[in-house]
Amino acid sequence: MASIKISSKVEEAVWEALKTAAHESNQNISGMVNEAIVEYLQRRRVRPAVLSHLDDSIRENAALGELLAK
């Protein structure tokens, strides 16, 4: 997969922690940043899907919900 170069600013303490973690795990910083971005995007994308399934379930089980609410 092709890579692109990015530029960003992070807090100094975060940068130092990232460098330390990369060194301790024998990984490079680029790989760790890429992994962190992928994990972040996966977490953000799951939530809408989960909410959609929840809405579907509530609609499909509306009668049961009304019975349980009594």
N, C-alpha and C. Protein backbone atom coordinates (compact mmCIF):
# COMPACT_ATOMS: atom_id res chain seq x y z
N MET A 1 0.85 -1.16 0.00
CA MET A 1 0.00 0.00 0.00
C MET A 1 0.90 1.24 0.00
N ALA A 2 0.52 2.23 -0.77
CA ALA A 2 1.30 3.46 -0.85
C ALA A 2 1.17 4.25 0.44
N SER A 3 2.23 4.94 0.79
CA SER A 3 2.23 5.78 1.98
C SER A 3 2.32 7.24 1.58
N ILE A 4 1.78 8.10 2.42
CA ILE A 4 1.91 9.53 2.21
C ILE A 4 2.57 10.14 3.43
N LYS A 5 3.22 11.25 3.25
CA LYS A 5 3.86 11.94 4.36
C LYS A 5 2.88 12.95 4.92
N ILE A 6 2.77 12.99 6.25
CA ILE A 6 1.88 13.95 6.90
C ILE A 6 2.69 14.78 7.89
N SER A 7 2.12 15.88 8.27
CA SER A 7 2.73 16.73 9.28
C SER A 7 1.66 17.11 10.28
N SER A 8 2.00 17.05 11.55
CA SER A 8 1.03 17.38 12.58
C SER A 8 1.76 17.84 13.83
N LYS A 9 1.02 18.40 14.74
CA LYS A 9 1.59 18.83 16.02
C LYS A 9 0.96 18.02 17.14
N VAL A 10 1.79 17.59 18.08
CA VAL A 10 1.31 16.90 19.27
C VAL A 10 2.01 17.51 20.48
N GLU A 11 1.42 17.31 21.63
CA GLU A 11 2.04 17.80 22.86
C GLU A 11 3.38 17.10 23.06
N GLU A 12 4.31 17.82 23.62
CA GLU A 12 5.66 17.27 23.79
C GLU A 12 5.65 15.99 24.62
N ALA A 13 4.86 15.96 25.68
CA ALA A 13 4.80 14.77 26.53
C ALA A 13 4.27 13.55 25.76
N VAL A 14 3.30 13.79 24.88
CA VAL A 14 2.75 12.71 24.06
C VAL A 14 3.83 12.20 23.10
N TRP A 15 4.57 13.10 22.49
CA TRP A 15 5.64 12.72 21.57
C TRP A 15 6.70 11.89 22.28
N GLU A 16 7.09 12.31 23.46
CA GLU A 16 8.10 11.58 24.23
C GLU A 16 7.59 10.19 24.60
N ALA A 17 6.32 10.11 25.00
CA ALA A 17 5.74 8.81 25.35
C ALA A 17 5.69 7.90 24.12
N LEU A 18 5.38 8.47 22.97
CA LEU A 18 5.35 7.69 21.73
C LEU A 18 6.74 7.18 21.37
N LYS A 19 7.73 8.03 21.48
CA LYS A 19 9.10 7.60 21.19
C LYS A 19 9.54 6.48 22.13
N THR A 20 9.21 6.62 23.40
CA THR A 20 9.56 5.59 24.39
C THR A 20 8.86 4.28 24.06
N ALA A 21 7.57 4.34 23.77
CA ALA A 21 6.81 3.13 23.44
C ALA A 21 7.36 2.47 22.18
N ALA A 22 7.72 3.26 21.20
CA ALA A 22 8.28 2.70 19.95
C ALA A 22 9.60 1.99 20.24
N HIS A 23 10.43 2.62 21.04
CA HIS A 23 11.73 2.02 21.38
C HIS A 23 11.54 0.71 22.16
N GLU A 24 10.64 0.75 23.15
CA GLU A 24 10.41 -0.43 23.99
C GLU A 24 9.83 -1.61 23.20
N SER A 25 9.07 -1.31 22.16
CA SER A 25 8.43 -2.38 21.39
C SER A 25 9.15 -2.68 20.07
N ASN A 26 10.32 -2.07 19.91
CA ASN A 26 11.11 -2.27 18.69
C ASN A 26 10.32 -1.97 17.42
N GLN A 27 9.50 -0.94 17.46
CA GLN A 27 8.73 -0.50 16.29
C GLN A 27 9.18 0.91 15.91
N ASN A 28 8.86 1.30 14.68
CA ASN A 28 9.15 2.68 14.32
C ASN A 28 7.93 3.55 14.60
N ILE A 29 8.16 4.83 14.74
CA ILE A 29 7.09 5.76 15.10
C ILE A 29 6.03 5.80 14.01
N SER A 30 6.44 5.78 12.75
CA SER A 30 5.46 5.81 11.65
C SER A 30 4.49 4.64 11.74
N GLY A 31 5.01 3.47 12.02
CA GLY A 31 4.15 2.30 12.15
C GLY A 31 3.19 2.43 13.31
N MET A 32 3.67 2.96 14.41
CA MET A 32 2.81 3.11 15.59
C MET A 32 1.72 4.15 15.34
N VAL A 33 2.07 5.25 14.68
CA VAL A 33 1.08 6.28 14.37
C VAL A 33 0.04 5.72 13.42
N ASN A 34 0.47 4.99 12.41
CA ASN A 34 -0.45 4.38 11.46
C ASN A 34 -1.41 3.43 12.19
N GLU A 35 -0.86 2.59 13.06
CA GLU A 35 -1.68 1.65 13.83
C GLU A 35 -2.69 2.39 14.70
N ALA A 36 -2.25 3.46 15.34
CA ALA A 36 -3.14 4.24 16.21
C ALA A 36 -4.28 4.87 15.41
N ILE A 37 -3.97 5.37 14.22
CA ILE A 37 -5.00 5.98 13.38
C ILE A 37 -6.01 4.93 12.94
N VAL A 38 -5.53 3.77 12.52
CA VAL A 38 -6.42 2.68 12.10
C VAL A 38 -7.35 2.28 13.24
N GLU A 39 -6.79 2.09 14.44
CA GLU A 39 -7.61 1.71 15.59
C GLU A 39 -8.64 2.78 15.94
N TYR A 40 -8.24 4.04 15.86
CA TYR A 40 -9.15 5.15 16.13
C TYR A 40 -10.32 5.13 15.14
N LEU A 41 -10.01 4.98 13.86
CA LEU A 41 -11.05 4.97 12.85
C LEU A 41 -11.99 3.78 13.02
N GLN A 42 -11.47 2.64 13.40
CA GLN A 42 -12.32 1.47 13.62
C GLN A 42 -13.28 1.72 14.78
N ARG A 43 -12.80 2.33 15.86
CA ARG A 43 -13.67 2.63 17.00
C ARG A 43 -14.76 3.63 16.61
N ARG A 44 -14.40 4.63 15.84
CA ARG A 44 -15.36 5.66 15.45
C ARG A 44 -16.41 5.11 14.49
N ARG A 45 -16.03 4.17 13.66
CA ARG A 45 -16.96 3.63 12.67
C ARG A 45 -17.89 2.60 13.26
N VAL A 46 -17.53 1.97 14.33
CA VAL A 46 -18.38 0.94 14.94
C VAL A 46 -19.61 1.57 15.57
N ARG A 47 -19.45 2.68 16.21
CA ARG A 47 -20.56 3.29 16.94
C ARG A 47 -21.80 3.53 16.07
N PRO A 48 -21.70 4.15 14.90
CA PRO A 48 -22.92 4.33 14.09
C PRO A 48 -23.57 3.00 13.71
N ALA A 49 -22.77 2.00 13.44
CA ALA A 49 -23.33 0.70 13.09
C ALA A 49 -24.08 0.10 14.28
N VAL A 50 -23.50 0.20 15.45
CA VAL A 50 -24.14 -0.32 16.66
C VAL A 50 -25.44 0.42 16.92
N LEU A 51 -25.43 1.74 16.79
CA LEU A 51 -26.64 2.51 17.02
C LEU A 51 -27.72 2.17 16.00
N SER A 52 -27.32 1.92 14.78
CA SER A 52 -28.29 1.53 13.76
C SER A 52 -28.95 0.20 14.11
N HIS A 53 -28.16 -0.77 14.55
CA HIS A 53 -28.71 -2.07 14.95
C HIS A 53 -29.62 -1.92 16.17
N LEU A 54 -29.24 -1.05 17.09
CA LEU A 54 -30.07 -0.81 18.27
C LEU A 54 -31.42 -0.22 17.86
N ASP A 55 -31.40 0.77 16.97
CA ASP A 55 -32.65 1.36 16.49
C ASP A 55 -33.52 0.31 15.81
N ASP A 56 -32.91 -0.54 14.98
CA ASP A 56 -33.66 -1.60 14.32
C ASP A 56 -34.29 -2.54 15.34
N SER A 57 -33.54 -2.90 16.36
CA SER A 57 -34.04 -3.82 17.38
C SER A 57 -35.20 -3.20 18.16
N ILE A 58 -35.07 -1.93 18.48
CA ILE A 58 -36.14 -1.26 19.22
C ILE A 58 -37.42 -1.23 18.39
N ARG A 59 -37.27 -0.90 17.10
CA ARG A 59 -38.46 -0.89 16.23
C ARG A 59 -39.08 -2.28 16.11
N GLU A 60 -38.25 -3.28 15.91
CA GLU A 60 -38.75 -4.65 15.74
C GLU A 60 -39.40 -5.20 17.00
N ASN A 61 -38.99 -4.69 18.15
CA ASN A 61 -39.50 -5.21 19.42
C ASN A 61 -40.32 -4.18 20.18
N ALA A 62 -40.95 -3.27 19.46
CA ALA A 62 -41.73 -2.20 20.11
C ALA A 62 -42.85 -2.76 20.99
N ALA A 63 -43.55 -3.79 20.48
CA ALA A 63 -44.66 -4.36 21.26
C ALA A 63 -44.15 -4.97 22.56
N LEU A 64 -43.04 -5.67 22.49
CA LEU A 64 -42.47 -6.25 23.69
C LEU A 64 -42.04 -5.16 24.67
N GLY A 65 -41.47 -4.09 24.15
CA GLY A 65 -41.07 -2.97 25.00
C GLY A 65 -42.23 -2.35 25.73
N GLU A 66 -43.36 -2.24 25.03
CA GLU A 66 -44.56 -1.68 25.67
C GLU A 66 -45.07 -2.61 26.77
N LEU A 67 -45.04 -3.91 26.53
CA LEU A 67 -45.46 -4.87 27.56
C LEU A 67 -44.55 -4.79 28.79
N LEU A 68 -43.25 -4.70 28.55
CA LEU A 68 -42.29 -4.65 29.67
C LEU A 68 -42.40 -3.34 30.45
N ALA A 69 -42.85 -2.28 29.79
CA ALA A 69 -42.95 -0.99 30.45
C ALA A 69 -44.16 -0.91 31.40
N LYS A 70 -45.10 -1.83 31.27
CA LYS A 70 -46.30 -1.81 32.14
C LYS A 70 -46.01 -2.27 33.52
